[in-house]
Amino acid sequence: MDQKAASSFERMVEDLRQEIADREEELYSDVVLREARNPRNVGPIEDPDLRGKVHGWCGDTMEIFLRVEDKTIQEATFVTDGCGATLACGSMLTQMVTGMRLEKAEWVLPKDLMNALHGLPEEHEHCAGLAISTLQNALLNWRMSQMEDEEAEA
């Protein structure tokens, strides 16, 4: 590729990148963009106390890992193969529940997560549902272990 063609190609790539960035800023809040571009709490916890995994109807999968002490979430992390909105939801949700009692975390709803993200486009609201469902799956595993412990003690 000669110099002129390379320069033209680079200009086209930069224009396309800017067009994508502009479109994202029209669709998503600053909070969603921040969490999607620089997600926090990504990666598994080795030997977590609780773990939940959900495969969403959209094809995305999320897994949440929780470290718990005295029924309080001390650390929360996640992994996903999902889109940017799913990444933002996982990042924000893990921040929201860290330091929260398990009983309170059971009551976190998709609307709470969407409020923390300052909204999601309608076509991505299901991403908040996926994140919450994944948390609920981990908490269900905790509730099941509680029931098993009570039965063993009886």
N, C-alpha and C. Protein backbone atom coordinates (compact mmCIF):
# COMPACT_ATOMS: atom_id res chain seq x y z
N MET A 1 0.85 -1.16 0.00
CA MET A 1 0.00 0.00 0.00
C MET A 1 0.90 1.24 0.00
N ASP A 2 0.63 2.14 -0.91
CA ASP A 2 1.45 3.35 -0.98
C ASP A 2 1.03 4.35 0.12
N GLN A 3 1.82 5.39 0.28
CA GLN A 3 1.62 6.39 1.34
C GLN A 3 0.25 7.05 1.26
N LYS A 4 -0.18 7.40 0.06
CA LYS A 4 -1.45 8.08 -0.12
C LYS A 4 -2.62 7.16 0.26
N ALA A 5 -2.56 5.89 -0.15
CA ALA A 5 -3.62 4.93 0.17
C ALA A 5 -3.66 4.65 1.67
N ALA A 6 -2.49 4.54 2.29
CA ALA A 6 -2.42 4.29 3.74
C ALA A 6 -3.03 5.46 4.50
N SER A 7 -2.72 6.66 4.09
CA SER A 7 -3.25 7.86 4.74
C SER A 7 -4.77 7.93 4.60
N SER A 8 -5.26 7.60 3.41
CA SER A 8 -6.70 7.60 3.15
C SER A 8 -7.40 6.53 4.00
N PHE A 9 -6.78 5.37 4.11
CA PHE A 9 -7.34 4.28 4.92
C PHE A 9 -7.37 4.69 6.40
N GLU A 10 -6.30 5.26 6.89
CA GLU A 10 -6.24 5.70 8.28
C GLU A 10 -7.30 6.76 8.58
N ARG A 11 -7.52 7.66 7.65
CA ARG A 11 -8.54 8.69 7.80
C ARG A 11 -9.93 8.06 7.85
N MET A 12 -10.18 7.07 6.99
CA MET A 12 -11.46 6.39 6.97
C MET A 12 -11.70 5.66 8.29
N VAL A 13 -10.67 4.98 8.81
CA VAL A 13 -10.79 4.27 10.08
C VAL A 13 -11.08 5.25 11.22
N GLU A 14 -10.39 6.37 11.26
CA GLU A 14 -10.61 7.37 12.30
C GLU A 14 -12.01 7.97 12.20
N ASP A 15 -12.49 8.23 11.00
CA ASP A 15 -13.85 8.76 10.81
C ASP A 15 -14.88 7.75 11.31
N LEU A 16 -14.67 6.48 11.01
CA LEU A 16 -15.58 5.42 11.44
C LEU A 16 -15.56 5.29 12.97
N ARG A 17 -14.38 5.34 13.55
CA ARG A 17 -14.26 5.26 15.01
C ARG A 17 -15.01 6.42 15.66
N GLN A 18 -14.88 7.62 15.11
CA GLN A 18 -15.56 8.78 15.65
C GLN A 18 -17.07 8.67 15.49
N GLU A 19 -17.52 8.15 14.37
CA GLU A 19 -18.95 7.96 14.14
C GLU A 19 -19.53 6.98 15.16
N ILE A 20 -18.81 5.91 15.44
CA ILE A 20 -19.25 4.93 16.43
C ILE A 20 -19.31 5.58 17.81
N ALA A 21 -18.26 6.32 18.18
CA ALA A 21 -18.23 6.99 19.48
C ALA A 21 -19.39 7.98 19.62
N ASP A 22 -19.66 8.74 18.56
CA ASP A 22 -20.76 9.69 18.60
C ASP A 22 -22.10 8.98 18.78
N ARG A 23 -22.29 7.88 18.10
CA ARG A 23 -23.54 7.11 18.20
C ARG A 23 -23.70 6.53 19.60
N GLU A 24 -22.62 6.02 20.17
CA GLU A 24 -22.67 5.49 21.54
C GLU A 24 -23.08 6.59 22.52
N GLU A 25 -22.53 7.77 22.34
CA GLU A 25 -22.84 8.87 23.25
C GLU A 25 -24.29 9.34 23.11
N GLU A 26 -24.89 9.13 21.94
CA GLU A 26 -26.31 9.44 21.76
C GLU A 26 -27.19 8.41 22.47
N LEU A 27 -26.76 7.15 22.47
CA LEU A 27 -27.57 6.05 23.01
C LEU A 27 -27.41 5.83 24.51
N TYR A 28 -26.19 5.97 25.01
CA TYR A 28 -25.88 5.55 26.37
C TYR A 28 -25.52 6.73 27.26
N SER A 29 -25.82 6.57 28.55
CA SER A 29 -25.43 7.59 29.53
C SER A 29 -23.91 7.57 29.72
N ASP A 30 -23.41 8.64 30.29
CA ASP A 30 -21.98 8.71 30.60
C ASP A 30 -21.57 7.57 31.54
N VAL A 31 -22.46 7.21 32.46
CA VAL A 31 -22.15 6.14 33.42
C VAL A 31 -22.01 4.80 32.69
N VAL A 32 -22.94 4.49 31.79
CA VAL A 32 -22.86 3.24 31.03
C VAL A 32 -21.57 3.20 30.22
N LEU A 33 -21.26 4.29 29.56
CA LEU A 33 -20.03 4.33 28.75
C LEU A 33 -18.79 4.15 29.62
N ARG A 34 -18.77 4.80 30.77
CA ARG A 34 -17.61 4.65 31.68
C ARG A 34 -17.45 3.21 32.13
N GLU A 35 -18.56 2.58 32.54
CA GLU A 35 -18.49 1.20 33.04
C GLU A 35 -18.19 0.20 31.93
N ALA A 36 -18.68 0.46 30.72
CA ALA A 36 -18.42 -0.46 29.61
C ALA A 36 -16.98 -0.33 29.11
N ARG A 37 -16.47 0.88 29.10
CA ARG A 37 -15.12 1.10 28.58
C ARG A 37 -14.03 0.78 29.60
N ASN A 38 -14.35 0.91 30.87
CA ASN A 38 -13.40 0.64 31.95
C ASN A 38 -14.10 -0.15 33.06
N PRO A 39 -14.52 -1.37 32.75
CA PRO A 39 -15.28 -2.14 33.74
C PRO A 39 -14.44 -2.49 34.97
N ARG A 40 -15.13 -2.54 36.09
CA ARG A 40 -14.49 -2.90 37.35
C ARG A 40 -14.94 -4.28 37.78
N ASN A 41 -14.13 -4.91 38.59
CA ASN A 41 -14.46 -6.21 39.20
C ASN A 41 -14.65 -7.32 38.18
N VAL A 42 -13.86 -7.29 37.13
CA VAL A 42 -13.94 -8.32 36.09
C VAL A 42 -12.97 -9.45 36.42
N GLY A 43 -13.45 -10.67 36.31
CA GLY A 43 -12.62 -11.85 36.51
C GLY A 43 -13.16 -12.70 37.64
N PRO A 44 -12.86 -13.97 37.59
CA PRO A 44 -13.36 -14.87 38.63
C PRO A 44 -12.62 -14.69 39.95
N ILE A 45 -13.29 -15.05 41.04
CA ILE A 45 -12.67 -15.16 42.35
C ILE A 45 -12.33 -16.64 42.53
N GLU A 46 -11.12 -16.92 42.92
CA GLU A 46 -10.75 -18.30 43.17
C GLU A 46 -11.46 -18.79 44.43
N ASP A 47 -12.10 -19.93 44.35
CA ASP A 47 -12.86 -20.51 45.47
C ASP A 47 -13.85 -19.53 46.08
N PRO A 48 -14.80 -19.03 45.28
CA PRO A 48 -15.79 -18.08 45.83
C PRO A 48 -16.71 -18.77 46.82
N ASP A 49 -17.27 -17.98 47.71
CA ASP A 49 -18.26 -18.52 48.64
C ASP A 49 -19.58 -18.81 47.91
N LEU A 50 -19.91 -17.94 46.97
CA LEU A 50 -21.12 -18.10 46.17
C LEU A 50 -20.80 -17.79 44.72
N ARG A 51 -21.53 -18.47 43.84
CA ARG A 51 -21.34 -18.23 42.41
C ARG A 51 -22.68 -18.48 41.73
N GLY A 52 -22.96 -17.65 40.73
CA GLY A 52 -24.16 -17.83 39.94
C GLY A 52 -23.82 -17.65 38.47
N LYS A 53 -24.50 -18.39 37.62
CA LYS A 53 -24.25 -18.30 36.18
C LYS A 53 -25.58 -18.40 35.45
N VAL A 54 -25.79 -17.47 34.51
CA VAL A 54 -27.03 -17.46 33.73
C VAL A 54 -26.69 -17.21 32.27
N HIS A 55 -27.34 -17.97 31.41
CA HIS A 55 -27.24 -17.77 29.97
C HIS A 55 -28.54 -17.08 29.54
N GLY A 56 -28.43 -15.84 29.08
CA GLY A 56 -29.60 -15.06 28.72
C GLY A 56 -30.20 -15.44 27.38
N TRP A 57 -31.44 -15.05 27.18
CA TRP A 57 -32.13 -15.37 25.92
C TRP A 57 -31.46 -14.69 24.73
N CYS A 58 -30.71 -13.62 24.99
CA CYS A 58 -30.05 -12.86 23.93
C CYS A 58 -28.75 -13.53 23.46
N GLY A 59 -28.32 -14.57 24.20
CA GLY A 59 -27.08 -15.26 23.85
C GLY A 59 -25.92 -14.91 24.77
N ASP A 60 -26.07 -13.84 25.56
CA ASP A 60 -25.01 -13.46 26.50
C ASP A 60 -25.04 -14.38 27.72
N THR A 61 -23.88 -14.63 28.27
CA THR A 61 -23.76 -15.38 29.51
C THR A 61 -23.03 -14.51 30.52
N MET A 62 -23.47 -14.57 31.77
CA MET A 62 -22.79 -13.86 32.85
C MET A 62 -22.61 -14.81 34.00
N GLU A 63 -21.49 -14.66 34.68
CA GLU A 63 -21.22 -15.41 35.90
C GLU A 63 -20.76 -14.42 36.96
N ILE A 64 -21.32 -14.56 38.16
CA ILE A 64 -20.98 -13.69 39.28
C ILE A 64 -20.36 -14.54 40.38
N PHE A 65 -19.32 -13.99 41.00
CA PHE A 65 -18.60 -14.65 42.07
C PHE A 65 -18.66 -13.75 43.30
N LEU A 66 -18.98 -14.33 44.44
CA LEU A 66 -19.11 -13.55 45.67
C LEU A 66 -18.24 -14.12 46.78
N ARG A 67 -17.55 -13.23 47.47
CA ARG A 67 -16.83 -13.58 48.70
C ARG A 67 -17.67 -12.99 49.82
N VAL A 68 -18.07 -13.84 50.78
CA VAL A 68 -19.01 -13.45 51.82
C VAL A 68 -18.40 -13.70 53.20
N GLU A 69 -18.63 -12.74 54.10
CA GLU A 69 -18.23 -12.90 55.49
C GLU A 69 -19.36 -12.37 56.36
N ASP A 70 -19.80 -13.17 57.31
CA ASP A 70 -20.90 -12.78 58.20
C ASP A 70 -22.12 -12.30 57.43
N LYS A 71 -22.46 -13.01 56.38
CA LYS A 71 -23.63 -12.72 55.54
C LYS A 71 -23.57 -11.36 54.87
N THR A 72 -22.36 -10.83 54.70
CA THR A 72 -22.13 -9.58 53.99
C THR A 72 -21.20 -9.83 52.82
N ILE A 73 -21.56 -9.30 51.67
CA ILE A 73 -20.73 -9.47 50.47
C ILE A 73 -19.49 -8.60 50.62
N GLN A 74 -18.34 -9.24 50.73
CA GLN A 74 -17.07 -8.53 50.88
C GLN A 74 -16.43 -8.22 49.54
N GLU A 75 -16.67 -9.10 48.56
CA GLU A 75 -16.11 -8.92 47.23
C GLU A 75 -17.07 -9.53 46.22
N ALA A 76 -17.25 -8.84 45.10
CA ALA A 76 -18.11 -9.33 44.02
C ALA A 76 -17.39 -9.08 42.71
N THR A 77 -17.31 -10.12 41.89
CA THR A 77 -16.71 -10.00 40.56
C THR A 77 -17.60 -10.70 39.56
N PHE A 78 -17.31 -10.50 38.27
CA PHE A 78 -18.12 -11.13 37.24
C PHE A 78 -17.28 -11.38 35.99
N VAL A 79 -17.80 -12.26 35.15
CA VAL A 79 -17.29 -12.45 33.80
C VAL A 79 -18.50 -12.53 32.87
N THR A 80 -18.32 -12.06 31.65
CA THR A 80 -19.39 -12.14 30.67
C THR A 80 -18.80 -12.22 29.27
N ASP A 81 -19.56 -12.79 28.38
CA ASP A 81 -19.20 -12.78 26.97
C ASP A 81 -20.13 -11.83 26.22
N GLY A 82 -20.79 -10.96 26.97
CA GLY A 82 -21.83 -10.11 26.41
C GLY A 82 -21.35 -8.80 25.83
N CYS A 83 -22.32 -8.02 25.42
CA CYS A 83 -22.10 -6.72 24.78
C CYS A 83 -21.64 -5.68 25.81
N GLY A 84 -21.40 -4.47 25.34
CA GLY A 84 -20.96 -3.40 26.22
C GLY A 84 -21.96 -3.08 27.31
N ALA A 85 -23.26 -3.13 27.00
CA ALA A 85 -24.28 -2.86 28.01
C ALA A 85 -24.26 -3.93 29.10
N THR A 86 -24.05 -5.18 28.72
CA THR A 86 -23.95 -6.27 29.70
C THR A 86 -22.72 -6.08 30.56
N LEU A 87 -21.62 -5.69 29.95
CA LEU A 87 -20.39 -5.42 30.68
C LEU A 87 -20.61 -4.29 31.70
N ALA A 88 -21.27 -3.23 31.28
CA ALA A 88 -21.57 -2.12 32.18
C ALA A 88 -22.46 -2.57 33.33
N CYS A 89 -23.44 -3.41 33.04
CA CYS A 89 -24.35 -3.90 34.09
C CYS A 89 -23.60 -4.75 35.11
N GLY A 90 -22.74 -5.64 34.64
CA GLY A 90 -21.96 -6.46 35.57
C GLY A 90 -21.05 -5.61 36.44
N SER A 91 -20.41 -4.64 35.83
CA SER A 91 -19.50 -3.77 36.56
C SER A 91 -20.24 -2.99 37.63
N MET A 92 -21.35 -2.36 37.27
CA MET A 92 -22.09 -1.56 38.22
C MET A 92 -22.72 -2.42 39.31
N LEU A 93 -23.27 -3.57 38.94
CA LEU A 93 -23.92 -4.41 39.93
C LEU A 93 -22.94 -4.89 40.99
N THR A 94 -21.75 -5.29 40.57
CA THR A 94 -20.77 -5.76 41.56
C THR A 94 -20.37 -4.63 42.51
N GLN A 95 -20.33 -3.41 42.01
CA GLN A 95 -20.04 -2.27 42.89
C GLN A 95 -21.20 -2.03 43.86
N MET A 96 -22.42 -2.17 43.36
CA MET A 96 -23.60 -1.91 44.18
C MET A 96 -23.70 -2.89 45.35
N VAL A 97 -23.40 -4.16 45.11
CA VAL A 97 -23.65 -5.18 46.14
C VAL A 97 -22.47 -5.38 47.09
N THR A 98 -21.29 -4.90 46.73
CA THR A 98 -20.15 -5.04 47.64
C THR A 98 -20.45 -4.25 48.92
N GLY A 99 -20.33 -4.94 50.05
CA GLY A 99 -20.65 -4.35 51.34
C GLY A 99 -22.10 -4.54 51.76
N MET A 100 -22.90 -5.14 50.90
CA MET A 100 -24.33 -5.31 51.16
C MET A 100 -24.58 -6.66 51.85
N ARG A 101 -25.54 -6.68 52.75
CA ARG A 101 -25.98 -7.94 53.37
C ARG A 101 -26.67 -8.80 52.32
N LEU A 102 -26.50 -10.11 52.43
CA LEU A 102 -27.09 -11.03 51.46
C LEU A 102 -28.60 -10.84 51.38
N GLU A 103 -29.24 -10.68 52.53
CA GLU A 103 -30.70 -10.51 52.55
C GLU A 103 -31.13 -9.27 51.78
N LYS A 104 -30.34 -8.21 51.84
CA LYS A 104 -30.67 -6.99 51.11
C LYS A 104 -30.39 -7.17 49.61
N ALA A 105 -29.32 -7.86 49.29
CA ALA A 105 -28.95 -8.09 47.89
C ALA A 105 -30.04 -8.86 47.14
N GLU A 106 -30.78 -9.68 47.88
CA GLU A 106 -31.88 -10.43 47.26
C GLU A 106 -32.96 -9.51 46.71
N TRP A 107 -33.02 -8.29 47.18
CA TRP A 107 -34.07 -7.36 46.79
C TRP A 107 -33.63 -6.34 45.73
N VAL A 108 -32.40 -6.46 45.24
CA VAL A 108 -31.95 -5.56 44.18
C VAL A 108 -32.68 -5.95 42.89
N LEU A 109 -33.25 -4.96 42.23
CA LEU A 109 -34.06 -5.19 41.03
C LEU A 109 -33.39 -4.61 39.79
N PRO A 110 -33.78 -5.08 38.60
CA PRO A 110 -33.23 -4.49 37.37
C PRO A 110 -33.39 -2.97 37.32
N LYS A 111 -34.52 -2.46 37.81
CA LYS A 111 -34.72 -1.00 37.77
C LYS A 111 -33.71 -0.28 38.65
N ASP A 112 -33.29 -0.90 39.77
CA ASP A 112 -32.27 -0.31 40.63
C ASP A 112 -30.94 -0.20 39.88
N LEU A 113 -30.61 -1.25 39.16
CA LEU A 113 -29.38 -1.26 38.37
C LEU A 113 -29.46 -0.24 37.24
N MET A 114 -30.59 -0.19 36.55
CA MET A 114 -30.74 0.79 35.46
C MET A 114 -30.68 2.22 36.00
N ASN A 115 -31.25 2.45 37.18
CA ASN A 115 -31.15 3.79 37.79
C ASN A 115 -29.70 4.13 38.10
N ALA A 116 -28.94 3.18 38.63
CA ALA A 116 -27.53 3.43 38.94
C ALA A 116 -26.73 3.74 37.68
N LEU A 117 -27.15 3.16 36.56
CA LEU A 117 -26.48 3.39 35.27
C LEU A 117 -27.02 4.63 34.56
N HIS A 118 -27.99 5.30 35.15
CA HIS A 118 -28.67 6.45 34.54
C HIS A 118 -29.37 6.04 33.25
N GLY A 119 -29.92 4.82 33.26
CA GLY A 119 -30.73 4.34 32.16
C GLY A 119 -29.97 3.50 31.15
N LEU A 120 -30.74 2.73 30.40
CA LEU A 120 -30.25 1.94 29.28
C LEU A 120 -31.25 2.10 28.15
N PRO A 121 -30.79 2.03 26.90
CA PRO A 121 -31.74 2.04 25.80
C PRO A 121 -32.68 0.83 25.94
N GLU A 122 -33.91 0.99 25.51
CA GLU A 122 -34.91 -0.07 25.65
C GLU A 122 -34.41 -1.42 25.15
N GLU A 123 -33.69 -1.41 24.03
CA GLU A 123 -33.22 -2.68 23.44
C GLU A 123 -32.11 -3.33 24.26
N HIS A 124 -31.63 -2.65 25.31
CA HIS A 124 -30.59 -3.23 26.17
C HIS A 124 -31.03 -3.35 27.63
N GLU A 125 -32.29 -3.09 27.91
CA GLU A 125 -32.77 -3.22 29.29
C GLU A 125 -32.66 -4.66 29.78
N HIS A 126 -32.75 -5.62 28.86
CA HIS A 126 -32.62 -7.02 29.27
C HIS A 126 -31.24 -7.33 29.86
N CYS A 127 -30.24 -6.51 29.55
CA CYS A 127 -28.89 -6.72 30.10
C CYS A 127 -28.90 -6.55 31.62
N ALA A 128 -29.67 -5.59 32.10
CA ALA A 128 -29.82 -5.41 33.55
C ALA A 128 -30.52 -6.62 34.14
N GLY A 129 -31.51 -7.13 33.44
CA GLY A 129 -32.20 -8.34 33.90
C GLY A 129 -31.27 -9.53 33.98
N LEU A 130 -30.38 -9.66 33.00
CA LEU A 130 -29.41 -10.76 33.02
C LEU A 130 -28.49 -10.65 34.23
N ALA A 131 -27.98 -9.46 34.49
CA ALA A 131 -27.08 -9.27 35.63
C ALA A 131 -27.79 -9.59 36.95
N ILE A 132 -29.00 -9.09 37.10
CA ILE A 132 -29.77 -9.35 38.33
C ILE A 132 -30.10 -10.83 38.45
N SER A 133 -30.48 -11.47 37.36
CA SER A 133 -30.77 -12.91 37.39
C SER A 133 -29.55 -13.71 37.81
N THR A 134 -28.39 -13.27 37.38
CA THR A 134 -27.16 -13.96 37.73
C THR A 134 -26.87 -13.81 39.22
N LEU A 135 -27.06 -12.60 39.75
CA LEU A 135 -26.92 -12.39 41.19
C LEU A 135 -27.92 -13.24 41.94
N GLN A 136 -29.17 -13.24 41.48
CA GLN A 136 -30.22 -14.03 42.14
C GLN A 136 -29.89 -15.52 42.13
N ASN A 137 -29.26 -15.99 41.05
CA ASN A 137 -28.85 -17.40 40.97
C ASN A 137 -27.81 -17.70 42.06
N ALA A 138 -26.85 -16.81 42.25
CA ALA A 138 -25.85 -17.01 43.31
C ALA A 138 -26.52 -17.00 44.68
N LEU A 139 -27.46 -16.08 44.88
CA LEU A 139 -28.13 -15.98 46.17
C LEU A 139 -29.07 -17.16 46.41
N LEU A 140 -29.65 -17.70 45.36
CA LEU A 140 -30.47 -18.90 45.49
C LEU A 140 -29.59 -20.06 45.97
N ASN A 141 -28.38 -20.14 45.44
CA ASN A 141 -27.46 -21.18 45.89
C ASN A 141 -27.17 -21.02 47.38
N TRP A 142 -27.06 -19.77 47.85
CA TRP A 142 -26.86 -19.51 49.28
C TRP A 142 -28.08 -19.97 50.08
N ARG A 143 -29.28 -19.59 49.61
CA ARG A 143 -30.51 -19.99 50.32
C ARG A 143 -30.63 -21.51 50.39
N MET A 144 -30.28 -22.19 49.31
CA MET A 144 -30.35 -23.65 49.28
C MET A 144 -29.38 -24.24 50.31
N SER A 145 -28.18 -23.68 50.41
CA SER A 145 -27.21 -24.19 51.38
C SER A 145 -27.70 -23.93 52.80
N GLN A 146 -28.40 -22.81 53.02
CA GLN A 146 -28.97 -22.51 54.33
C GLN A 146 -30.01 -23.57 54.71
N MET A 147 -30.85 -23.94 53.75
CA MET A 147 -31.88 -24.94 53.99
C MET A 147 -31.25 -26.30 54.28
N GLU A 148 -30.19 -26.63 53.52
CA GLU A 148 -29.50 -27.90 53.75
C GLU A 148 -28.88 -27.95 55.13
N ASP A 149 -28.28 -26.82 55.57
CA ASP A 149 -27.69 -26.75 56.91
C ASP A 149 -28.75 -26.94 57.98
N GLU A 150 -29.92 -26.30 57.79
CA GLU A 150 -31.00 -26.43 58.77
C GLU A 150 -31.51 -27.87 58.84
N GLU A 151 -31.62 -28.52 57.68
CA GLU A 151 -32.07 -29.92 57.67
C GLU A 151 -31.07 -30.83 58.34
N ALA A 152 -29.79 -30.56 58.15
CA ALA A 152 -28.74 -31.39 58.76
C ALA A 152 -28.73 -31.24 60.28
N GLU A 153 -29.06 -30.02 60.75
CA GLU A 153 -29.09 -29.77 62.19
C GLU A 153 -30.33 -30.35 62.85
N ALA A 154 -31.40 -30.57 62.09
CA ALA A 154 -32.67 -31.05 62.64
C ALA A 154 -32.62 -32.53 62.99
